[in-house]
Amino acid sequence: MKTLFLIIAFLLACVGSGLSQTNKDGNSAPTNILFSVKAQDKNIIPTLRKEDVRVLENGIQQEILSFQKRSDLPLSIALMVDASASLERTFTKLKAAALLFFGSVSHPGKDSMAVISFTGKPTLEQPLTPDLNQVRKAIEQLKPVQLPRDFLEQVIKKTAKSW
């Protein structure tokens, strides 16, 4: 398998203060980096090995102390649902699909799930929770929302003011 080159610059936000963390002695402390690698066909590469990966920090290759395949990590899933009135005819199917998605993907008690509806702006319907029943209730209570007739005009005015 070709050696994969991972440029970790985009992960800096994910690991807090940066790739390397300095301990009180001024030495770099090990940092965990969680990532997934997909092939061009968008399937995860299950045979990835430590030798296939390079980690660079400021252009300098770093030693990989440990390399593990983990498929048991908890997920945080936020589902965004378009609640605009234009979807009113299919809204029941949309909610059924959302319920099916959470029921098939999540592990209740382990994973955290959230529901966000949006029309002109996002609304947090259910904050992250490991309770699938709370998520189901939030989805079942969703209703299509009719935007004001002058909504587009309001958006244009607000956008024009910011320029």
N, C-alpha and C. Protein backbone atom coordinates (compact mmCIF):
# COMPACT_ATOMS: atom_id res chain seq x y z
N MET A 1 0.84 -1.17 0.00
CA MET A 1 0.00 0.00 0.00
C MET A 1 0.89 1.23 0.00
N LYS A 2 0.50 2.23 -0.75
CA LYS A 2 1.26 3.47 -0.78
C LYS A 2 1.33 4.07 0.61
N THR A 3 2.46 4.70 0.90
CA THR A 3 2.57 5.39 2.17
C THR A 3 1.66 6.61 2.13
N LEU A 4 0.89 6.76 3.17
CA LEU A 4 -0.02 7.89 3.27
C LEU A 4 0.68 9.01 4.02
N PHE A 5 0.60 10.20 3.47
CA PHE A 5 1.18 11.36 4.12
C PHE A 5 0.05 12.16 4.75
N LEU A 6 0.07 12.29 6.04
CA LEU A 6 -0.95 13.05 6.73
C LEU A 6 -0.37 14.38 7.18
N ILE A 7 -0.92 15.43 6.69
CA ILE A 7 -0.50 16.75 7.14
C ILE A 7 -1.48 17.16 8.23
N ILE A 8 -0.99 17.36 9.39
CA ILE A 8 -1.83 17.48 10.56
C ILE A 8 -2.22 18.92 10.88
N ALA A 9 -1.88 19.87 10.05
CA ALA A 9 -2.16 21.27 10.36
C ALA A 9 -3.62 21.51 10.69
N PHE A 10 -4.52 20.86 9.92
CA PHE A 10 -5.95 21.07 10.15
C PHE A 10 -6.43 20.45 11.46
N LEU A 11 -5.64 19.58 12.06
CA LEU A 11 -6.05 18.94 13.31
C LEU A 11 -5.69 19.76 14.55
N LEU A 12 -4.94 20.84 14.37
CA LEU A 12 -4.51 21.61 15.53
C LEU A 12 -5.68 22.06 16.38
N ALA A 13 -6.76 22.46 15.74
CA ALA A 13 -7.93 22.89 16.50
C ALA A 13 -8.54 21.73 17.28
N CYS A 14 -8.38 20.53 16.76
CA CYS A 14 -8.99 19.36 17.40
C CYS A 14 -8.21 18.88 18.62
N VAL A 15 -6.95 19.16 18.68
CA VAL A 15 -6.14 18.65 19.79
C VAL A 15 -5.77 19.75 20.77
N GLY A 16 -6.51 20.84 20.77
CA GLY A 16 -6.32 21.88 21.78
C GLY A 16 -5.17 22.78 21.47
N SER A 17 -4.12 22.67 22.22
CA SER A 17 -3.02 23.63 22.11
C SER A 17 -2.04 23.29 21.00
N GLY A 18 -2.33 22.32 20.20
CA GLY A 18 -1.42 21.99 19.10
C GLY A 18 -1.06 20.52 19.13
N LEU A 19 -0.29 20.11 18.15
CA LEU A 19 0.08 18.71 18.02
C LEU A 19 0.96 18.27 19.18
N SER A 20 2.02 19.02 19.44
CA SER A 20 2.86 18.64 20.56
C SER A 20 2.45 19.46 21.77
N GLN A 21 2.43 18.81 22.89
CA GLN A 21 2.12 19.49 24.13
C GLN A 21 3.38 19.44 24.98
N THR A 22 3.72 20.56 25.58
CA THR A 22 4.95 20.64 26.34
C THR A 22 4.65 20.41 27.82
N ASN A 23 5.41 19.53 28.45
CA ASN A 23 5.22 19.31 29.88
C ASN A 23 6.05 20.32 30.66
N LYS A 24 6.03 20.25 32.01
CA LYS A 24 6.70 21.26 32.83
C LYS A 24 8.22 21.25 32.67
N ASP A 25 8.80 20.17 32.16
CA ASP A 25 10.24 20.10 31.93
C ASP A 25 10.64 20.73 30.60
N GLY A 26 9.65 21.16 29.81
CA GLY A 26 9.94 21.76 28.51
C GLY A 26 10.04 20.74 27.39
N ASN A 27 9.79 19.47 27.69
CA ASN A 27 9.83 18.42 26.68
C ASN A 27 8.44 18.20 26.10
N SER A 28 8.40 17.73 24.88
CA SER A 28 7.11 17.43 24.26
C SER A 28 6.52 16.18 24.87
N ALA A 29 5.21 16.25 25.15
CA ALA A 29 4.49 15.10 25.69
C ALA A 29 3.73 14.44 24.55
N PRO A 30 3.52 13.13 24.63
CA PRO A 30 2.76 12.45 23.57
C PRO A 30 1.35 13.02 23.44
N THR A 31 0.84 13.03 22.21
CA THR A 31 -0.50 13.53 21.92
C THR A 31 -1.25 12.48 21.12
N ASN A 32 -2.51 12.26 21.48
CA ASN A 32 -3.35 11.33 20.72
C ASN A 32 -3.97 12.06 19.54
N ILE A 33 -3.94 11.44 18.39
CA ILE A 33 -4.58 11.99 17.19
C ILE A 33 -5.52 10.92 16.65
N LEU A 34 -6.79 11.24 16.63
CA LEU A 34 -7.78 10.30 16.11
C LEU A 34 -8.09 10.69 14.67
N PHE A 35 -8.12 9.72 13.76
CA PHE A 35 -8.40 10.02 12.36
C PHE A 35 -8.93 8.79 11.65
N SER A 36 -9.56 9.02 10.52
CA SER A 36 -10.03 7.95 9.64
C SER A 36 -9.43 8.20 8.27
N VAL A 37 -9.12 7.14 7.57
CA VAL A 37 -8.57 7.25 6.22
C VAL A 37 -9.47 6.48 5.28
N LYS A 38 -9.90 7.18 4.24
CA LYS A 38 -10.77 6.54 3.24
C LYS A 38 -10.06 6.51 1.89
N ALA A 39 -10.35 5.46 1.14
CA ALA A 39 -9.82 5.32 -0.22
C ALA A 39 -10.65 6.18 -1.17
N GLN A 40 -10.25 6.23 -2.42
CA GLN A 40 -10.98 7.02 -3.41
C GLN A 40 -12.43 6.57 -3.56
N ASP A 41 -12.70 5.30 -3.28
CA ASP A 41 -14.08 4.80 -3.37
C ASP A 41 -14.88 5.12 -2.11
N LYS A 42 -14.29 5.92 -1.20
CA LYS A 42 -14.91 6.41 0.04
C LYS A 42 -15.10 5.33 1.10
N ASN A 43 -14.46 4.19 0.93
CA ASN A 43 -14.51 3.14 1.95
C ASN A 43 -13.31 3.30 2.88
N ILE A 44 -13.52 3.06 4.16
CA ILE A 44 -12.43 3.14 5.13
C ILE A 44 -11.41 2.05 4.82
N ILE A 45 -10.14 2.38 4.96
CA ILE A 45 -9.06 1.43 4.70
C ILE A 45 -8.80 0.65 5.99
N PRO A 46 -9.23 -0.62 6.06
CA PRO A 46 -9.11 -1.38 7.30
C PRO A 46 -7.71 -1.93 7.56
N THR A 47 -6.86 -1.94 6.56
CA THR A 47 -5.54 -2.56 6.69
C THR A 47 -4.43 -1.54 6.95
N LEU A 48 -4.79 -0.33 7.33
CA LEU A 48 -3.80 0.71 7.57
C LEU A 48 -2.87 0.29 8.72
N ARG A 49 -1.55 0.49 8.49
CA ARG A 49 -0.56 0.13 9.50
C ARG A 49 0.25 1.36 9.88
N LYS A 50 0.95 1.26 10.98
CA LYS A 50 1.80 2.34 11.46
C LYS A 50 2.79 2.78 10.38
N GLU A 51 3.31 1.84 9.62
CA GLU A 51 4.30 2.14 8.59
C GLU A 51 3.70 2.94 7.42
N ASP A 52 2.38 2.93 7.30
CA ASP A 52 1.70 3.62 6.21
C ASP A 52 1.46 5.10 6.51
N VAL A 53 1.75 5.52 7.73
CA VAL A 53 1.39 6.87 8.17
C VAL A 53 2.63 7.66 8.55
N ARG A 54 2.63 8.93 8.18
CA ARG A 54 3.66 9.87 8.63
C ARG A 54 2.95 11.05 9.28
N VAL A 55 3.44 11.44 10.42
CA VAL A 55 2.91 12.60 11.11
C VAL A 55 3.98 13.68 11.07
N LEU A 56 3.61 14.83 10.54
CA LEU A 56 4.54 15.95 10.44
C LEU A 56 4.08 17.09 11.33
N GLU A 57 5.02 17.69 12.03
CA GLU A 57 4.73 18.90 12.80
C GLU A 57 5.73 19.95 12.36
N ASN A 58 5.22 21.03 11.79
CA ASN A 58 6.07 22.09 11.24
C ASN A 58 7.09 21.51 10.25
N GLY A 59 6.63 20.55 9.46
CA GLY A 59 7.47 19.96 8.43
C GLY A 59 8.43 18.91 8.94
N ILE A 60 8.43 18.62 10.22
CA ILE A 60 9.35 17.65 10.81
C ILE A 60 8.59 16.37 11.16
N GLN A 61 9.11 15.25 10.66
CA GLN A 61 8.43 13.98 10.94
C GLN A 61 8.53 13.65 12.41
N GLN A 62 7.40 13.21 12.97
CA GLN A 62 7.33 12.86 14.39
C GLN A 62 7.25 11.34 14.54
N GLU A 63 7.79 10.85 15.64
CA GLU A 63 7.74 9.43 15.92
C GLU A 63 6.32 9.04 16.36
N ILE A 64 5.83 7.95 15.81
CA ILE A 64 4.53 7.41 16.22
C ILE A 64 4.80 6.35 17.27
N LEU A 65 4.40 6.64 18.50
CA LEU A 65 4.68 5.74 19.61
C LEU A 65 3.70 4.57 19.66
N SER A 66 2.47 4.82 19.30
CA SER A 66 1.43 3.80 19.35
C SER A 66 0.47 4.00 18.19
N PHE A 67 -0.01 2.91 17.63
CA PHE A 67 -0.94 2.99 16.51
C PHE A 67 -1.98 1.91 16.71
N GLN A 68 -3.25 2.33 16.90
CA GLN A 68 -4.30 1.37 17.19
C GLN A 68 -5.51 1.61 16.30
N LYS A 69 -6.14 0.52 15.93
CA LYS A 69 -7.42 0.61 15.23
C LYS A 69 -8.49 0.64 16.31
N ARG A 70 -9.35 1.67 16.28
CA ARG A 70 -10.41 1.81 17.28
C ARG A 70 -11.74 1.99 16.57
N SER A 71 -12.65 1.09 16.82
CA SER A 71 -13.99 1.25 16.25
C SER A 71 -15.04 1.34 17.34
N ASP A 72 -14.58 1.41 18.59
CA ASP A 72 -15.49 1.42 19.72
C ASP A 72 -15.63 2.80 20.38
N LEU A 73 -15.11 3.83 19.75
CA LEU A 73 -15.16 5.16 20.35
C LEU A 73 -16.57 5.73 20.27
N PRO A 74 -16.97 6.49 21.28
CA PRO A 74 -18.31 7.10 21.24
C PRO A 74 -18.39 8.17 20.16
N LEU A 75 -19.57 8.29 19.57
CA LEU A 75 -19.82 9.29 18.54
C LEU A 75 -20.63 10.44 19.11
N SER A 76 -20.44 11.62 18.55
CA SER A 76 -21.31 12.76 18.80
C SER A 76 -21.93 13.11 17.46
N ILE A 77 -23.24 12.92 17.36
CA ILE A 77 -23.93 13.09 16.09
C ILE A 77 -24.97 14.19 16.21
N ALA A 78 -24.88 15.18 15.34
CA ALA A 78 -25.91 16.22 15.29
C ALA A 78 -26.58 16.13 13.93
N LEU A 79 -27.89 15.96 13.93
CA LEU A 79 -28.64 15.87 12.70
C LEU A 79 -29.36 17.19 12.45
N MET A 80 -29.14 17.77 11.29
CA MET A 80 -29.81 19.02 10.93
C MET A 80 -30.98 18.68 10.03
N VAL A 81 -32.15 19.21 10.38
CA VAL A 81 -33.39 18.92 9.66
C VAL A 81 -33.94 20.21 9.08
N ASP A 82 -34.15 20.22 7.78
CA ASP A 82 -34.77 21.37 7.12
C ASP A 82 -36.25 21.36 7.48
N ALA A 83 -36.67 22.36 8.24
CA ALA A 83 -38.06 22.41 8.72
C ALA A 83 -38.87 23.48 7.98
N SER A 84 -38.44 23.85 6.80
CA SER A 84 -39.17 24.87 6.06
C SER A 84 -40.47 24.30 5.50
N ALA A 85 -41.46 25.15 5.37
CA ALA A 85 -42.80 24.73 4.94
C ALA A 85 -42.79 24.09 3.55
N SER A 86 -41.79 24.36 2.75
CA SER A 86 -41.73 23.77 1.41
C SER A 86 -41.61 22.24 1.48
N LEU A 87 -41.23 21.71 2.63
CA LEU A 87 -41.10 20.25 2.79
C LEU A 87 -42.31 19.63 3.48
N GLU A 88 -43.36 20.41 3.65
CA GLU A 88 -44.52 19.95 4.41
C GLU A 88 -45.08 18.63 3.89
N ARG A 89 -45.15 18.44 2.58
CA ARG A 89 -45.71 17.21 2.01
C ARG A 89 -44.89 15.97 2.36
N THR A 90 -43.59 16.14 2.50
CA THR A 90 -42.72 14.98 2.76
C THR A 90 -42.18 14.96 4.19
N PHE A 91 -42.68 15.85 5.05
CA PHE A 91 -42.12 16.00 6.39
C PHE A 91 -42.26 14.72 7.23
N THR A 92 -43.35 14.01 7.09
CA THR A 92 -43.53 12.76 7.84
C THR A 92 -42.47 11.75 7.45
N LYS A 93 -42.16 11.64 6.17
CA LYS A 93 -41.12 10.72 5.71
C LYS A 93 -39.74 11.18 6.20
N LEU A 94 -39.52 12.49 6.19
CA LEU A 94 -38.25 13.05 6.66
C LEU A 94 -38.03 12.69 8.13
N LYS A 95 -39.06 12.84 8.95
CA LYS A 95 -38.94 12.50 10.38
C LYS A 95 -38.72 10.99 10.56
N ALA A 96 -39.41 10.17 9.76
CA ALA A 96 -39.23 8.72 9.85
C ALA A 96 -37.79 8.34 9.49
N ALA A 97 -37.24 9.00 8.48
CA ALA A 97 -35.85 8.73 8.08
C ALA A 97 -34.88 9.14 9.19
N ALA A 98 -35.15 10.27 9.84
CA ALA A 98 -34.30 10.73 10.94
C ALA A 98 -34.34 9.73 12.09
N LEU A 99 -35.53 9.24 12.43
CA LEU A 99 -35.66 8.24 13.50
C LEU A 99 -34.93 6.95 13.14
N LEU A 100 -35.07 6.53 11.90
CA LEU A 100 -34.39 5.32 11.43
C LEU A 100 -32.87 5.49 11.48
N PHE A 101 -32.40 6.68 11.06
CA PHE A 101 -30.97 6.97 11.08
C PHE A 101 -30.41 6.83 12.49
N PHE A 102 -31.01 7.54 13.45
CA PHE A 102 -30.50 7.47 14.81
C PHE A 102 -30.62 6.06 15.38
N GLY A 103 -31.71 5.37 15.08
CA GLY A 103 -31.90 4.02 15.57
C GLY A 103 -30.88 3.03 15.04
N SER A 104 -30.39 3.25 13.83
CA SER A 104 -29.45 2.30 13.23
C SER A 104 -27.99 2.67 13.43
N VAL A 105 -27.70 3.94 13.64
CA VAL A 105 -26.30 4.37 13.72
C VAL A 105 -25.81 4.50 15.16
N SER A 106 -26.66 4.94 16.04
CA SER A 106 -26.21 5.27 17.39
C SER A 106 -26.25 4.07 18.34
N HIS A 107 -25.45 4.19 19.38
CA HIS A 107 -25.43 3.22 20.47
C HIS A 107 -25.91 3.98 21.71
N PRO A 108 -27.21 3.89 22.05
CA PRO A 108 -27.75 4.65 23.18
C PRO A 108 -26.96 4.40 24.46
N GLY A 109 -26.74 5.46 25.22
CA GLY A 109 -25.96 5.36 26.44
C GLY A 109 -24.47 5.53 26.20
N LYS A 110 -24.04 5.36 24.97
CA LYS A 110 -22.61 5.50 24.63
C LYS A 110 -22.41 6.72 23.74
N ASP A 111 -23.19 6.82 22.67
CA ASP A 111 -23.07 7.94 21.74
C ASP A 111 -23.96 9.09 22.20
N SER A 112 -23.60 10.29 21.80
CA SER A 112 -24.42 11.47 22.08
C SER A 112 -25.04 11.94 20.78
N MET A 113 -26.31 12.34 20.86
CA MET A 113 -27.05 12.75 19.67
C MET A 113 -27.72 14.09 19.93
N ALA A 114 -27.83 14.90 18.87
CA ALA A 114 -28.50 16.19 18.96
C ALA A 114 -29.35 16.38 17.72
N VAL A 115 -30.38 17.22 17.85
CA VAL A 115 -31.26 17.53 16.72
C VAL A 115 -31.31 19.04 16.56
N ILE A 116 -31.04 19.51 15.35
CA ILE A 116 -31.08 20.93 15.03
C ILE A 116 -32.01 21.10 13.84
N SER A 117 -33.01 21.96 13.99
CA SER A 117 -33.87 22.26 12.85
C SER A 117 -33.43 23.60 12.29
N PHE A 118 -33.71 23.82 11.02
CA PHE A 118 -33.40 25.13 10.45
C PHE A 118 -34.43 25.52 9.41
N THR A 119 -34.68 26.77 9.38
CA THR A 119 -35.47 27.40 8.32
C THR A 119 -34.60 28.55 7.86
N GLY A 120 -34.82 29.72 8.42
CA GLY A 120 -33.94 30.85 8.15
C GLY A 120 -32.74 30.85 9.06
N LYS A 121 -32.88 30.24 10.24
CA LYS A 121 -31.79 30.14 11.20
C LYS A 121 -31.89 28.81 11.92
N PRO A 122 -30.78 28.32 12.47
CA PRO A 122 -30.81 27.03 13.17
C PRO A 122 -31.44 27.16 14.56
N THR A 123 -32.13 26.11 14.97
CA THR A 123 -32.72 26.03 16.30
C THR A 123 -32.33 24.70 16.92
N LEU A 124 -31.74 24.76 18.10
CA LEU A 124 -31.36 23.54 18.79
C LEU A 124 -32.61 22.93 19.42
N GLU A 125 -33.08 21.84 18.84
CA GLU A 125 -34.29 21.16 19.31
C GLU A 125 -33.97 20.21 20.46
N GLN A 126 -32.81 19.57 20.37
CA GLN A 126 -32.37 18.64 21.41
C GLN A 126 -30.86 18.74 21.54
N PRO A 127 -30.35 19.23 22.68
CA PRO A 127 -28.90 19.26 22.88
C PRO A 127 -28.34 17.83 22.91
N LEU A 128 -27.03 17.71 22.80
CA LEU A 128 -26.40 16.39 22.85
C LEU A 128 -26.86 15.61 24.07
N THR A 129 -27.28 14.39 23.83
CA THR A 129 -27.73 13.50 24.90
C THR A 129 -27.47 12.06 24.47
N PRO A 130 -27.20 11.18 25.44
CA PRO A 130 -27.07 9.76 25.10
C PRO A 130 -28.43 9.04 25.11
N ASP A 131 -29.49 9.78 25.44
CA ASP A 131 -30.83 9.20 25.59
C ASP A 131 -31.59 9.22 24.26
N LEU A 132 -31.71 8.07 23.61
CA LEU A 132 -32.39 7.97 22.32
C LEU A 132 -33.86 8.36 22.42
N ASN A 133 -34.49 8.11 23.55
CA ASN A 133 -35.90 8.49 23.72
C ASN A 133 -36.09 10.00 23.66
N GLN A 134 -35.17 10.75 24.25
CA GLN A 134 -35.24 12.22 24.18
C GLN A 134 -35.09 12.70 22.73
N VAL A 135 -34.20 12.05 22.00
CA VAL A 135 -33.99 12.40 20.60
C VAL A 135 -35.25 12.08 19.78
N ARG A 136 -35.83 10.93 20.04
CA ARG A 136 -37.07 10.56 19.33
C ARG A 136 -38.18 11.58 19.58
N LYS A 137 -38.34 11.99 20.84
CA LYS A 137 -39.37 12.98 21.18
C LYS A 137 -39.12 14.28 20.43
N ALA A 138 -37.87 14.73 20.39
CA ALA A 138 -37.53 15.98 19.69
C ALA A 138 -37.87 15.87 18.21
N ILE A 139 -37.57 14.74 17.60
CA ILE A 139 -37.86 14.55 16.17
C ILE A 139 -39.37 14.49 15.94
N GLU A 140 -40.07 13.76 16.79
CA GLU A 140 -41.52 13.64 16.63
C GLU A 140 -42.23 14.98 16.79
N GLN A 141 -41.67 15.90 17.57
CA GLN A 141 -42.30 17.20 17.80
C GLN A 141 -41.97 18.22 16.71
N LEU A 142 -41.07 17.90 15.78
CA LEU A 142 -40.73 18.83 14.71
C LEU A 142 -41.95 19.10 13.82
N LYS A 143 -42.08 20.35 13.44
CA LYS A 143 -43.16 20.75 12.52
C LYS A 143 -42.58 21.71 11.50
N PRO A 144 -43.09 21.66 10.26
CA PRO A 144 -42.62 22.60 9.25
C PRO A 144 -42.98 24.03 9.65
N VAL A 145 -42.10 24.97 9.33
CA VAL A 145 -42.28 26.37 9.70
C VAL A 145 -42.40 27.22 8.44
N GLN A 146 -43.42 28.05 8.42
CA GLN A 146 -43.60 28.97 7.29
C GLN A 146 -42.75 30.22 7.56
N LEU A 147 -41.87 30.54 6.65
CA LEU A 147 -41.07 31.75 6.78
C LEU A 147 -41.92 32.97 6.45
N PRO A 148 -41.60 34.12 7.03
CA PRO A 148 -42.33 35.34 6.67
C PRO A 148 -42.20 35.61 5.17
N ARG A 149 -43.24 36.22 4.60
CA ARG A 149 -43.23 36.50 3.16
C ARG A 149 -42.04 37.35 2.74
N ASP A 150 -41.62 38.25 3.62
CA ASP A 150 -40.52 39.15 3.27
C ASP A 150 -39.16 38.64 3.77
N PHE A 151 -39.06 37.33 4.04
CA PHE A 151 -37.82 36.76 4.58
C PHE A 151 -36.62 37.03 3.67
N LEU A 152 -36.76 36.74 2.39
CA LEU A 152 -35.65 36.95 1.45
C LEU A 152 -35.26 38.42 1.40
N GLU A 153 -36.23 39.29 1.41
CA GLU A 153 -35.96 40.73 1.40
C GLU A 153 -35.18 41.13 2.66
N GLN A 154 -35.55 40.57 3.81
CA GLN A 154 -34.84 40.85 5.06
C GLN A 154 -33.39 40.39 4.98
N VAL A 155 -33.16 39.21 4.43
CA VAL A 155 -31.81 38.70 4.29
C VAL A 155 -30.98 39.60 3.40
N ILE A 156 -31.55 40.05 2.28
CA ILE A 156 -30.83 40.93 1.34
C ILE A 156 -30.47 42.24 2.02
N LYS A 157 -31.41 42.83 2.77
CA LYS A 157 -31.14 44.09 3.47
C LYS A 157 -30.03 43.92 4.49
N LYS A 158 -30.08 42.86 5.28
CA LYS A 158 -29.05 42.63 6.29
C LYS A 158 -27.69 42.39 5.66
N THR A 159 -27.67 41.68 4.55
CA THR A 159 -26.42 41.41 3.84
C THR A 159 -25.85 42.70 3.26
N ALA A 160 -26.71 43.52 2.68
CA ALA A 160 -26.27 44.78 2.08
C ALA A 160 -25.69 45.71 3.13
N LYS A 161 -26.25 45.72 4.34
CA LYS A 161 -25.75 46.58 5.42
C LYS A 161 -24.35 46.17 5.86
N SER A 162 -24.06 44.88 5.82
CA SER A 162 -22.75 44.40 6.27
C SER A 162 -21.64 44.65 5.25
N TRP A 163 -22.01 44.98 4.02
CA TRP A 163 -20.99 45.26 3.00
C TRP A 163 -20.67 46.68 3.07
